[in-house]
């Protein structure tokens, strides 16, 4: 306290000058509208800049939380879109309530392999999140794989970059369908086989899921035709597809639940008995 008093005594002349100068500025600003408006604008500029900087820092620190919120929102939107397309495309439109068939749930990839023969991913959703075997997994750019096994909190996913993977896919523009497989040569490309030679195949054509299984809805993006040739018997095309997904840098995915899968599976099992 004594040091503060000594400081004031030593600098009393300068401090008195600052006080009088501040008072003069205050009265000048208050009595002249022009000066007042300039002062307010300058203050707003400075405080606005400070608040903007603070807000930018806050936004950066909240990116992770915002990503979670956006992923959940995307899940809801994908659910609505998928079921709306089914409802519009169905002959029996009234039999398909908007939320009846597919549900999407956001997940985060914890581990991703893509350099092996049979690649598997690990995601942070499991039984407690109602994730089960044979649920489809996609990203915002296209197909990723199929859930293989689940623990309480985690699940493994058989990647499309897996030589055991077989998924029904089709030419988007014609509906000719075949089987999606992987030859283990490159994580950028996947192969579509069993497309009949009467199908009009062209480079750059889009390949999507066919909807002919209970796992993926019709129309999920896969990639575009890079090149193709007829098989040895020359009855079917073997097509090399450039994936839309970069399978080496996946982070956020969506798990697809077909709510009718149990009924479909039971029906198919009954017909095979």
C-alpha atoms as a PDB file:
ATOM      1  CA  UNK A   1       0.000   0.000   0.000  1.00  0.00           C
ATOM      2  CA  UNK A   2       2.829   2.368   0.912  1.00  0.00           C
ATOM      3  CA  UNK A   3       4.426   1.723  -2.492  1.00  0.00           C
ATOM      4  CA  UNK A   4       1.223   2.761  -4.229  1.00  0.00           C
ATOM      5  CA  UNK A   5       1.032   5.980  -2.205  1.00  0.00           C
ATOM      6  CA  UNK A   6       4.698   6.746  -2.932  1.00  0.00           C
ATOM      7  CA  UNK A   7       4.050   6.137  -6.676  1.00  0.00           C
ATOM      8  CA  UNK A   8       1.125   8.583  -6.650  1.00  0.00           C
ATOM      9  CA  UNK A   9       3.194  11.254  -4.820  1.00  0.00           C
ATOM     10  CA  UNK A  10       6.103  10.890  -7.229  1.00  0.00           C
ATOM     11  CA  UNK A  11       3.868  11.099 -10.314  1.00  0.00           C
ATOM     12  CA  UNK A  12       1.136  13.423  -9.054  1.00  0.00           C
ATOM     13  CA  UNK A  13       1.718  15.976 -11.830  1.00  0.00           C
ATOM     14  CA  UNK A  14       1.442  13.385 -14.612  1.00  0.00           C
ATOM     15  CA  UNK A  15      -1.537  11.687 -13.007  1.00  0.00           C
ATOM     16  CA  UNK A  16      -3.317  15.043 -12.630  1.00  0.00           C
ATOM     17  CA  UNK A  17      -2.644  15.717 -16.316  1.00  0.00           C
ATOM     18  CA  UNK A  18      -4.167  12.336 -17.295  1.00  0.00           C
ATOM     19  CA  UNK A  19      -7.234  13.013 -15.144  1.00  0.00           C
ATOM     20  CA  UNK A  20      -7.819  16.459 -16.622  1.00  0.00           C
ATOM     21  CA  UNK A  21      -7.167  15.191 -20.154  1.00  0.00           C
ATOM     22  CA  UNK A  22      -9.667  12.363 -19.684  1.00  0.00           C
ATOM     23  CA  UNK A  23     -12.289  14.747 -18.316  1.00  0.00           C
ATOM     24  CA  UNK A  24     -11.809  17.107 -21.239  1.00  0.00           C
ATOM     25  CA  UNK A  25     -12.230  14.240 -23.710  1.00  0.00           C
ATOM     26  CA  UNK A  26     -15.357  13.080 -21.905  1.00  0.00           C
ATOM     27  CA  UNK A  27     -17.002  16.505 -21.961  1.00  0.00           C
ATOM     28  CA  UNK A  28     -15.981  17.067 -25.586  1.00  0.00           C
ATOM     29  CA  UNK A  29     -17.494  13.752 -26.675  1.00  0.00           C
ATOM     30  CA  UNK A  30     -20.675  14.343 -24.668  1.00  0.00           C
ATOM     31  CA  UNK A  31     -21.238  17.872 -25.970  1.00  0.00           C
ATOM     32  CA  UNK A  32     -20.501  17.262 -29.672  1.00  0.00           C
ATOM     33  CA  UNK A  33     -22.545  14.679 -31.581  1.00  0.00           C
ATOM     34  CA  UNK A  34     -19.872  14.240 -34.260  1.00  0.00           C
ATOM     35  CA  UNK A  35     -17.169  13.386 -31.743  1.00  0.00           C
ATOM     36  CA  UNK A  36     -19.599  11.144 -29.863  1.00  0.00           C
ATOM     37  CA  UNK A  37     -20.515   9.147 -32.984  1.00  0.00           C
ATOM     38  CA  UNK A  38     -16.849   8.736 -33.910  1.00  0.00           C
ATOM     39  CA  UNK A  39     -16.039   7.518 -30.432  1.00  0.00           C
ATOM     40  CA  UNK A  40     -18.897   5.030 -30.408  1.00  0.00           C
ATOM     41  CA  UNK A  41     -17.937   3.695 -33.830  1.00  0.00           C
ATOM     42  CA  UNK A  42     -14.317   3.295 -32.774  1.00  0.00           C
ATOM     43  CA  UNK A  43     -15.353   1.547 -29.564  1.00  0.00           C
ATOM     44  CA  UNK A  44     -17.672  -0.762 -31.467  1.00  0.00           C
ATOM     45  CA  UNK A  45     -14.891  -1.571 -33.900  1.00  0.00           C
ATOM     46  CA  UNK A  46     -12.469  -2.449 -31.114  1.00  0.00           C
ATOM     47  CA  UNK A  47     -14.938  -4.432 -29.024  1.00  0.00           C
ATOM     48  CA  UNK A  48     -16.302  -6.134 -32.145  1.00  0.00           C
ATOM     49  CA  UNK A  49     -12.797  -7.219 -33.096  1.00  0.00           C
ATOM     50  CA  UNK A  50     -12.172  -8.575 -29.610  1.00  0.00           C
ATOM     51  CA  UNK A  51     -15.476 -10.459 -29.531  1.00  0.00           C
ATOM     52  CA  UNK A  52     -14.848 -11.831 -33.023  1.00  0.00           C
ATOM     53  CA  UNK A  53     -11.415 -13.118 -32.007  1.00  0.00           C
ATOM     54  CA  UNK A  54     -12.815 -14.668 -28.821  1.00  0.00           C
ATOM     55  CA  UNK A  55     -15.645 -16.230 -30.808  1.00  0.00           C
ATOM     56  CA  UNK A  56     -13.227 -17.691 -33.374  1.00  0.00           C
ATOM     57  CA  UNK A  57     -11.141 -19.236 -30.599  1.00  0.00           C
ATOM     58  CA  UNK A  58     -14.280 -20.610 -28.949  1.00  0.00           C
ATOM     59  CA  UNK A  59     -15.505 -22.051 -32.259  1.00  0.00           C
ATOM     60  CA  UNK A  60     -12.153 -23.766 -32.803  1.00  0.00           C
ATOM     61  CA  UNK A  61     -12.187 -25.290 -29.319  1.00  0.00           C
ATOM     62  CA  UNK A  62     -15.748 -26.529 -29.887  1.00  0.00           C
ATOM     63  CA  UNK A  63     -15.080 -28.149 -33.270  1.00  0.00           C
ATOM     64  CA  UNK A  64     -15.171 -31.675 -31.868  1.00  0.00           C
ATOM     65  CA  UNK A  65     -18.526 -31.084 -30.192  1.00  0.00           C
ATOM     66  CA  UNK A  66     -19.889 -29.448 -33.335  1.00  0.00           C
ATOM     67  CA  UNK A  67     -18.723 -32.377 -35.465  1.00  0.00           C
ATOM     68  CA  UNK A  68     -20.661 -34.746 -33.216  1.00  0.00           C
ATOM     69  CA  UNK A  69     -23.771 -32.576 -33.512  1.00  0.00           C
ATOM     70  CA  UNK A  70     -23.421 -32.383 -37.312  1.00  0.00           C
ATOM     71  CA  UNK A  71     -22.919 -36.147 -37.587  1.00  0.00           C
ATOM     72  CA  UNK A  72     -26.062 -36.788 -35.562  1.00  0.00           C
ATOM     73  CA  UNK A  73     -28.003 -34.293 -37.669  1.00  0.00           C
ATOM     74  CA  UNK A  74     -26.727 -35.938 -40.858  1.00  0.00           C
ATOM     75  CA  UNK A  75     -27.892 -39.285 -39.482  1.00  0.00           C
ATOM     76  CA  UNK A  76     -31.408 -37.947 -39.029  1.00  0.00           C
ATOM     77  CA  UNK A  77     -31.411 -36.395 -42.500  1.00  0.00           C
ATOM     78  CA  UNK A  78     -30.126 -39.592 -44.124  1.00  0.00           C
ATOM     79  CA  UNK A  79     -32.863 -41.551 -42.371  1.00  0.00           C
ATOM     80  CA  UNK A  80     -35.525 -39.195 -43.703  1.00  0.00           C
ATOM     81  CA  UNK A  81     -34.111 -39.148 -47.235  1.00  0.00           C
ATOM     82  CA  UNK A  82     -33.670 -42.912 -47.508  1.00  0.00           C
ATOM     83  CA  UNK A  83     -37.173 -43.675 -46.295  1.00  0.00           C
ATOM     84  CA  UNK A  84     -38.727 -40.896 -48.354  1.00  0.00           C
ATOM     85  CA  UNK A  85     -37.145 -42.338 -51.518  1.00  0.00           C
ATOM     86  CA  UNK A  86     -38.463 -45.787 -50.625  1.00  0.00           C
ATOM     87  CA  UNK A  87     -41.901 -44.381 -49.974  1.00  0.00           C
ATOM     88  CA  UNK A  88     -42.000 -42.488 -53.284  1.00  0.00           C
ATOM     89  CA  UNK A  89     -40.630 -45.435 -55.259  1.00  0.00           C
ATOM     90  CA  UNK A  90     -42.999 -48.004 -53.742  1.00  0.00           C
ATOM     91  CA  UNK A  91     -46.147 -49.196 -55.531  1.00  0.00           C
ATOM     92  CA  UNK A  92     -47.835 -49.448 -52.140  1.00  0.00           C
ATOM     93  CA  UNK A  93     -46.907 -45.988 -50.880  1.00  0.00           C
ATOM     94  CA  UNK A  94     -49.304 -45.970 -47.931  1.00  0.00           C
ATOM     95  CA  UNK A  95     -47.721 -49.139 -46.544  1.00  0.00           C
ATOM     96  CA  UNK A  96     -44.432 -47.365 -45.833  1.00  0.00           C
ATOM     97  CA  UNK A  97     -44.517 -44.872 -42.949  1.00  0.00           C
ATOM     98  CA  UNK A  98     -41.667 -42.377 -43.319  1.00  0.00           C
ATOM     99  CA  UNK A  99     -39.597 -43.814 -40.452  1.00  0.00           C
ATOM    100  CA  UNK A 100     -40.361 -47.501 -40.977  1.00  0.00           C
ATOM    101  CA  UNK A 101     -37.471 -49.035 -42.910  1.00  0.00           C
ATOM    102  CA  UNK A 102     -33.993 -47.543 -42.418  1.00  0.00           C
ATOM    103  CA  UNK A 103     -32.338 -45.755 -39.505  1.00  0.00           C
ATOM    104  CA  UNK A 104     -28.888 -44.124 -39.573  1.00  0.00           C
ATOM    105  CA  UNK A 105     -26.545 -43.725 -36.605  1.00  0.00           C
ATOM    106  CA  UNK A 106     -23.290 -41.760 -36.592  1.00  0.00           C
ATOM    107  CA  UNK A 107     -20.037 -43.443 -35.508  1.00  0.00           C
ATOM    108  CA  UNK A 108     -16.327 -42.689 -35.330  1.00  0.00           C
ATOM    109  CA  UNK A 109     -13.613 -44.945 -36.745  1.00  0.00           C
ATOM    110  CA  UNK A 110     -11.025 -45.913 -34.131  1.00  0.00           C
ATOM    111  CA  UNK A 111      -8.922 -48.186 -36.323  1.00  0.00           C
ATOM    112  CA  UNK A 112      -8.792 -48.687 -40.080  1.00  0.00           C
ATOM    113  CA  UNK A 113      -6.749 -51.196 -42.040  1.00  0.00           C
ATOM    114  CA  UNK A 114      -6.488 -51.011 -45.833  1.00  0.00           C
ATOM    115  CA  UNK A 115      -3.143 -52.610 -46.734  1.00  0.00           C
ATOM    116  CA  UNK A 116      -4.040 -56.213 -45.883  1.00  0.00           C
ATOM    117  CA  UNK A 117      -5.924 -58.852 -47.840  1.00  0.00           C
ATOM    118  CA  UNK A 118      -8.879 -58.924 -45.456  1.00  0.00           C
ATOM    119  CA  UNK A 119      -9.191 -55.443 -43.984  1.00  0.00           C
ATOM    120  CA  UNK A 120     -11.324 -54.647 -40.925  1.00  0.00           C
ATOM    121  CA  UNK A 121     -12.353 -51.387 -39.259  1.00  0.00           C
ATOM    122  CA  UNK A 122     -13.123 -50.705 -35.582  1.00  0.00           C
ATOM    123  CA  UNK A 123     -15.880 -48.210 -34.702  1.00  0.00           C
ATOM    124  CA  UNK A 124     -17.016 -46.683 -31.392  1.00  0.00           C
ATOM    125  CA  UNK A 125     -20.583 -48.019 -31.388  1.00  0.00           C
ATOM    126  CA  UNK A 126     -21.735 -51.401 -30.089  1.00  0.00           C
ATOM    127  CA  UNK A 127     -24.552 -53.396 -28.557  1.00  0.00           C
ATOM    128  CA  UNK A 128     -25.502 -50.591 -26.141  1.00  0.00           C
ATOM    129  CA  UNK A 129     -26.125 -48.442 -29.235  1.00  0.00           C
ATOM    130  CA  UNK A 130     -28.276 -51.224 -30.772  1.00  0.00           C
ATOM    131  CA  UNK A 131     -25.588 -52.058 -33.349  1.00  0.00           C
ATOM    132  CA  UNK A 132     -25.737 -55.635 -34.608  1.00  0.00           C
ATOM    133  CA  UNK A 133     -24.143 -57.963 -37.123  1.00  0.00           C
ATOM    134  CA  UNK A 134     -24.890 -57.271 -40.812  1.00  0.00           C
ATOM    135  CA  UNK A 135     -25.673 -53.580 -40.395  1.00  0.00           C
ATOM    136  CA  UNK A 136     -24.360 -51.555 -43.336  1.00  0.00           C
ATOM    137  CA  UNK A 137     -21.694 -48.870 -42.872  1.00  0.00           C
ATOM    138  CA  UNK A 138     -21.236 -45.863 -45.168  1.00  0.00           C
ATOM    139  CA  UNK A 139     -19.579 -42.446 -45.158  1.00  0.00           C
ATOM    140  CA  UNK A 140     -20.844 -39.192 -46.638  1.00  0.00           C
ATOM    141  CA  UNK A 141     -19.144 -40.197 -49.907  1.00  0.00           C
ATOM    142  CA  UNK A 142     -20.226 -43.815 -50.189  1.00  0.00           C
ATOM    143  CA  UNK A 143     -20.122 -47.408 -49.027  1.00  0.00           C
ATOM    144  CA  UNK A 144     -17.579 -48.549 -46.395  1.00  0.00           C
ATOM    145  CA  UNK A 145     -18.456 -52.081 -45.268  1.00  0.00           C
ATOM    146  CA  UNK A 146     -20.667 -54.323 -43.124  1.00  0.00           C
ATOM    147  CA  UNK A 147     -20.706 -54.796 -39.339  1.00  0.00           C
ATOM    148  CA  UNK A 148     -19.190 -58.163 -38.435  1.00  0.00           C
ATOM    149  CA  UNK A 149     -19.182 -58.414 -34.624  1.00  0.00           C
ATOM    150  CA  UNK A 150     -20.175 -56.140 -31.734  1.00  0.00           C
ATOM    151  CA  UNK A 151     -19.192 -55.850 -28.074  1.00  0.00           C
ATOM    152  CA  UNK A 152     -20.987 -53.611 -25.612  1.00  0.00           C
ATOM    153  CA  UNK A 153     -19.258 -50.410 -26.802  1.00  0.00           C
ATOM    154  CA  UNK A 154     -17.466 -51.274 -30.055  1.00  0.00           C
ATOM    155  CA  UNK A 155     -17.955 -53.077 -33.364  1.00  0.00           C
ATOM    156  CA  UNK A 156     -15.745 -54.497 -36.094  1.00  0.00           C
ATOM    157  CA  UNK A 157     -16.621 -53.804 -39.711  1.00  0.00           C
ATOM    158  CA  UNK A 158     -15.649 -55.928 -42.700  1.00  0.00           C
ATOM    159  CA  UNK A 159     -14.291 -53.339 -45.109  1.00  0.00           C
ATOM    160  CA  UNK A 160     -15.198 -53.403 -48.802  1.00  0.00           C
ATOM    161  CA  UNK A 161     -11.408 -53.779 -49.131  1.00  0.00           C
ATOM    162  CA  UNK A 162     -11.738 -57.373 -47.989  1.00  0.00           C
ATOM    163  CA  UNK A 163     -11.498 -60.393 -50.286  1.00  0.00           C
ATOM    164  CA  UNK A 164     -14.397 -62.057 -48.455  1.00  0.00           C
ATOM    165  CA  UNK A 165     -16.718 -59.100 -49.035  1.00  0.00           C
ATOM    166  CA  UNK A 166     -19.526 -59.554 -51.575  1.00  0.00           C
ATOM    167  CA  UNK A 167     -22.109 -56.787 -52.006  1.00  0.00           C
ATOM    168  CA  UNK A 168     -24.832 -56.370 -54.598  1.00  0.00           C
ATOM    169  CA  UNK A 169     -24.257 -53.327 -56.806  1.00  0.00           C
ATOM    170  CA  UNK A 170     -25.551 -51.959 -60.082  1.00  0.00           C
ATOM    171  CA  UNK A 171     -25.108 -49.478 -62.898  1.00  0.00           C
ATOM    172  CA  UNK A 172     -26.979 -46.385 -61.771  1.00  0.00           C
ATOM    173  CA  UNK A 173     -28.346 -45.505 -65.203  1.00  0.00           C
ATOM    174  CA  UNK A 174     -29.642 -48.938 -66.254  1.00  0.00           C
ATOM    175  CA  UNK A 175     -30.206 -51.064 -63.102  1.00  0.00           C
ATOM    176  CA  UNK A 176     -28.055 -53.951 -64.458  1.00  0.00           C
ATOM    177  CA  UNK A 177     -26.610 -55.478 -61.294  1.00  0.00           C
ATOM    178  CA  UNK A 178     -23.732 -57.718 -60.267  1.00  0.00           C
ATOM    179  CA  UNK A 179     -21.464 -58.469 -57.305  1.00  0.00           C
ATOM    180  CA  UNK A 180     -18.964 -56.076 -55.750  1.00  0.00           C
ATOM    181  CA  UNK A 181     -15.653 -57.763 -54.838  1.00  0.00           C
ATOM    182  CA  UNK A 182     -12.038 -56.734 -54.186  1.00  0.00           C
ATOM    183  CA  UNK A 183      -8.912 -58.149 -55.856  1.00  0.00           C
ATOM    184  CA  UNK A 184      -6.580 -56.859 -53.073  1.00  0.00           C
ATOM    185  CA  UNK A 185      -4.466 -54.827 -55.500  1.00  0.00           C
ATOM    186  CA  UNK A 186      -5.297 -51.216 -54.612  1.00  0.00           C
ATOM    187  CA  UNK A 187      -7.347 -49.422 -51.930  1.00  0.00           C
ATOM    188  CA  UNK A 188      -8.486 -46.939 -54.600  1.00  0.00           C
ATOM    189  CA  UNK A 189     -10.276 -49.494 -56.756  1.00  0.00           C
ATOM    190  CA  UNK A 190     -12.872 -52.216 -56.317  1.00  0.00           C
ATOM    191  CA  UNK A 191     -14.328 -54.638 -58.834  1.00  0.00           C
ATOM    192  CA  UNK A 192     -17.845 -55.320 -60.081  1.00  0.00           C
ATOM    193  CA  UNK A 193     -18.414 -58.729 -61.680  1.00  0.00           C
ATOM    194  CA  UNK A 194     -21.328 -60.575 -63.306  1.00  0.00           C
ATOM    195  CA  UNK A 195     -22.640 -57.592 -65.251  1.00  0.00           C
ATOM    196  CA  UNK A 196     -24.159 -59.106 -68.448  1.00  0.00           C
ATOM    197  CA  UNK A 197     -22.500 -58.125 -71.719  1.00  0.00           C
ATOM    198  CA  UNK A 198     -25.774 -56.697 -73.031  1.00  0.00           C
ATOM    199  CA  UNK A 199     -25.488 -53.914 -70.440  1.00  0.00           C
ATOM    200  CA  UNK A 200     -24.378 -50.528 -71.859  1.00  0.00           C
ATOM    201  CA  UNK A 201     -21.123 -50.048 -69.925  1.00  0.00           C
ATOM    202  CA  UNK A 202     -19.090 -46.844 -70.312  1.00  0.00           C
ATOM    203  CA  UNK A 203     -16.131 -45.267 -68.541  1.00  0.00           C
ATOM    204  CA  UNK A 204     -17.238 -42.712 -65.993  1.00  0.00           C
ATOM    205  CA  UNK A 205     -20.624 -44.343 -65.326  1.00  0.00           C
ATOM    206  CA  UNK A 206     -21.679 -44.289 -61.675  1.00  0.00           C
ATOM    207  CA  UNK A 207     -22.015 -47.498 -59.654  1.00  0.00           C
ATOM    208  CA  UNK A 208     -24.397 -47.674 -56.667  1.00  0.00           C
ATOM    209  CA  UNK A 209     -25.823 -50.278 -54.318  1.00  0.00           C
ATOM    210  CA  UNK A 210     -28.659 -52.248 -55.890  1.00  0.00           C
ATOM    211  CA  UNK A 211     -30.975 -52.550 -52.890  1.00  0.00           C
ATOM    212  CA  UNK A 212     -31.283 -56.295 -53.604  1.00  0.00           C
ATOM    213  CA  UNK A 213     -30.142 -57.225 -50.096  1.00  0.00           C
ATOM    214  CA  UNK A 214     -31.438 -56.385 -46.633  1.00  0.00           C
ATOM    215  CA  UNK A 215     -28.245 -54.500 -45.709  1.00  0.00           C
ATOM    216  CA  UNK A 216     -27.993 -51.420 -47.942  1.00  0.00           C
ATOM    217  CA  UNK A 217     -30.769 -49.304 -49.442  1.00  0.00           C
ATOM    218  CA  UNK A 218     -30.725 -48.821 -53.189  1.00  0.00           C
ATOM    219  CA  UNK A 219     -28.624 -45.955 -54.515  1.00  0.00           C
ATOM    220  CA  UNK A 220     -25.760 -45.661 -52.003  1.00  0.00           C
ATOM    221  CA  UNK A 221     -22.764 -44.320 -53.945  1.00  0.00           C
ATOM    222  CA  UNK A 222     -19.787 -46.582 -54.635  1.00  0.00           C
ATOM    223  CA  UNK A 223     -17.694 -45.095 -57.442  1.00  0.00           C
ATOM    224  CA  UNK A 224     -17.287 -44.667 -61.202  1.00  0.00           C
ATOM    225  CA  UNK A 225     -16.194 -47.068 -63.928  1.00  0.00           C
ATOM    226  CA  UNK A 226     -12.444 -46.733 -64.547  1.00  0.00           C
ATOM    227  CA  UNK A 227     -12.044 -49.554 -67.078  1.00  0.00           C
ATOM    228  CA  UNK A 228     -13.671 -52.875 -67.986  1.00  0.00           C
ATOM    229  CA  UNK A 229     -13.364 -56.064 -70.047  1.00  0.00           C
ATOM    230  CA  UNK A 230     -15.318 -59.234 -70.784  1.00  0.00           C
ATOM    231  CA  UNK A 231     -14.526 -62.391 -68.832  1.00  0.00           C
ATOM    232  CA  UNK A 232     -12.974 -65.485 -70.413  1.00  0.00           C
ATOM    233  CA  UNK A 233     -16.343 -66.867 -71.475  1.00  0.00           C
ATOM    234  CA  UNK A 234     -17.266 -63.358 -72.751  1.00  0.00           C
ATOM    235  CA  UNK A 235     -20.661 -63.456 -71.106  1.00  0.00           C
ATOM    236  CA  UNK A 236     -20.115 -60.905 -68.340  1.00  0.00           C
ATOM    237  CA  UNK A 237     -18.158 -57.735 -67.784  1.00  0.00           C
ATOM    238  CA  UNK A 238     -15.467 -57.425 -65.148  1.00  0.00           C
ATOM    239  CA  UNK A 239     -15.458 -53.758 -64.192  1.00  0.00           C
ATOM    240  CA  UNK A 240     -12.784 -51.806 -62.331  1.00  0.00           C
ATOM    241  CA  UNK A 241     -14.375 -49.076 -60.173  1.00  0.00           C
ATOM    242  CA  UNK A 242     -12.662 -45.953 -58.841  1.00  0.00           C
ATOM    243  CA  UNK A 243     -14.085 -45.478 -55.347  1.00  0.00           C
ATOM    244  CA  UNK A 244     -15.633 -42.176 -54.282  1.00  0.00           C
ATOM    245  CA  UNK A 245     -14.367 -42.870 -50.755  1.00  0.00           C
ATOM    246  CA  UNK A 246     -10.733 -42.473 -49.843  1.00  0.00           C
ATOM    247  CA  UNK A 247     -10.590 -45.667 -47.806  1.00  0.00           C
ATOM    248  CA  UNK A 248      -7.202 -44.685 -46.347  1.00  0.00           C
ATOM    249  CA  UNK A 249      -8.465 -41.581 -44.499  1.00  0.00           C
ATOM    250  CA  UNK A 250     -11.895 -42.438 -43.133  1.00  0.00           C
ATOM    251  CA  UNK A 251     -12.972 -40.849 -39.844  1.00  0.00           C
ATOM    252  CA  UNK A 252     -16.746 -40.414 -39.562  1.00  0.00           C
ATOM    253  CA  UNK A 253     -19.224 -43.043 -40.760  1.00  0.00           C
ATOM    254  CA  UNK A 254     -22.931 -43.862 -40.577  1.00  0.00           C
ATOM    255  CA  UNK A 255     -24.352 -47.236 -39.568  1.00  0.00           C
ATOM    256  CA  UNK A 256     -27.497 -48.322 -41.413  1.00  0.00           C
ATOM    257  CA  UNK A 257     -30.138 -50.368 -39.649  1.00  0.00           C
ATOM    258  CA  UNK A 258     -32.814 -52.044 -41.750  1.00  0.00           C
ATOM    259  CA  UNK A 259     -35.676 -52.364 -39.280  1.00  0.00           C
ATOM    260  CA  UNK A 260     -37.289 -55.040 -41.437  1.00  0.00           C
ATOM    261  CA  UNK A 261     -34.196 -57.265 -41.563  1.00  0.00           C
ATOM    262  CA  UNK A 262     -35.435 -59.784 -38.971  1.00  0.00           C
ATOM    263  CA  UNK A 263     -38.714 -60.334 -40.802  1.00  0.00           C
ATOM    264  CA  UNK A 264     -36.925 -60.648 -44.149  1.00  0.00           C
ATOM    265  CA  UNK A 265     -34.333 -63.091 -42.748  1.00  0.00           C
ATOM    266  CA  UNK A 266     -36.995 -65.252 -41.087  1.00  0.00           C
ATOM    267  CA  UNK A 267     -38.978 -65.378 -44.330  1.00  0.00           C
ATOM    268  CA  UNK A 268     -35.927 -66.385 -46.368  1.00  0.00           C
ATOM    269  CA  UNK A 269     -34.921 -69.019 -43.808  1.00  0.00           C
ATOM    270  CA  UNK A 270     -38.452 -70.473 -43.907  1.00  0.00           C
ATOM    271  CA  UNK A 271     -38.383 -70.719 -47.694  1.00  0.00           C
ATOM    272  CA  UNK A 272     -35.056 -72.576 -47.593  1.00  0.00           C
ATOM    273  CA  UNK A 273     -36.218 -75.229 -45.120  1.00  0.00           C
END
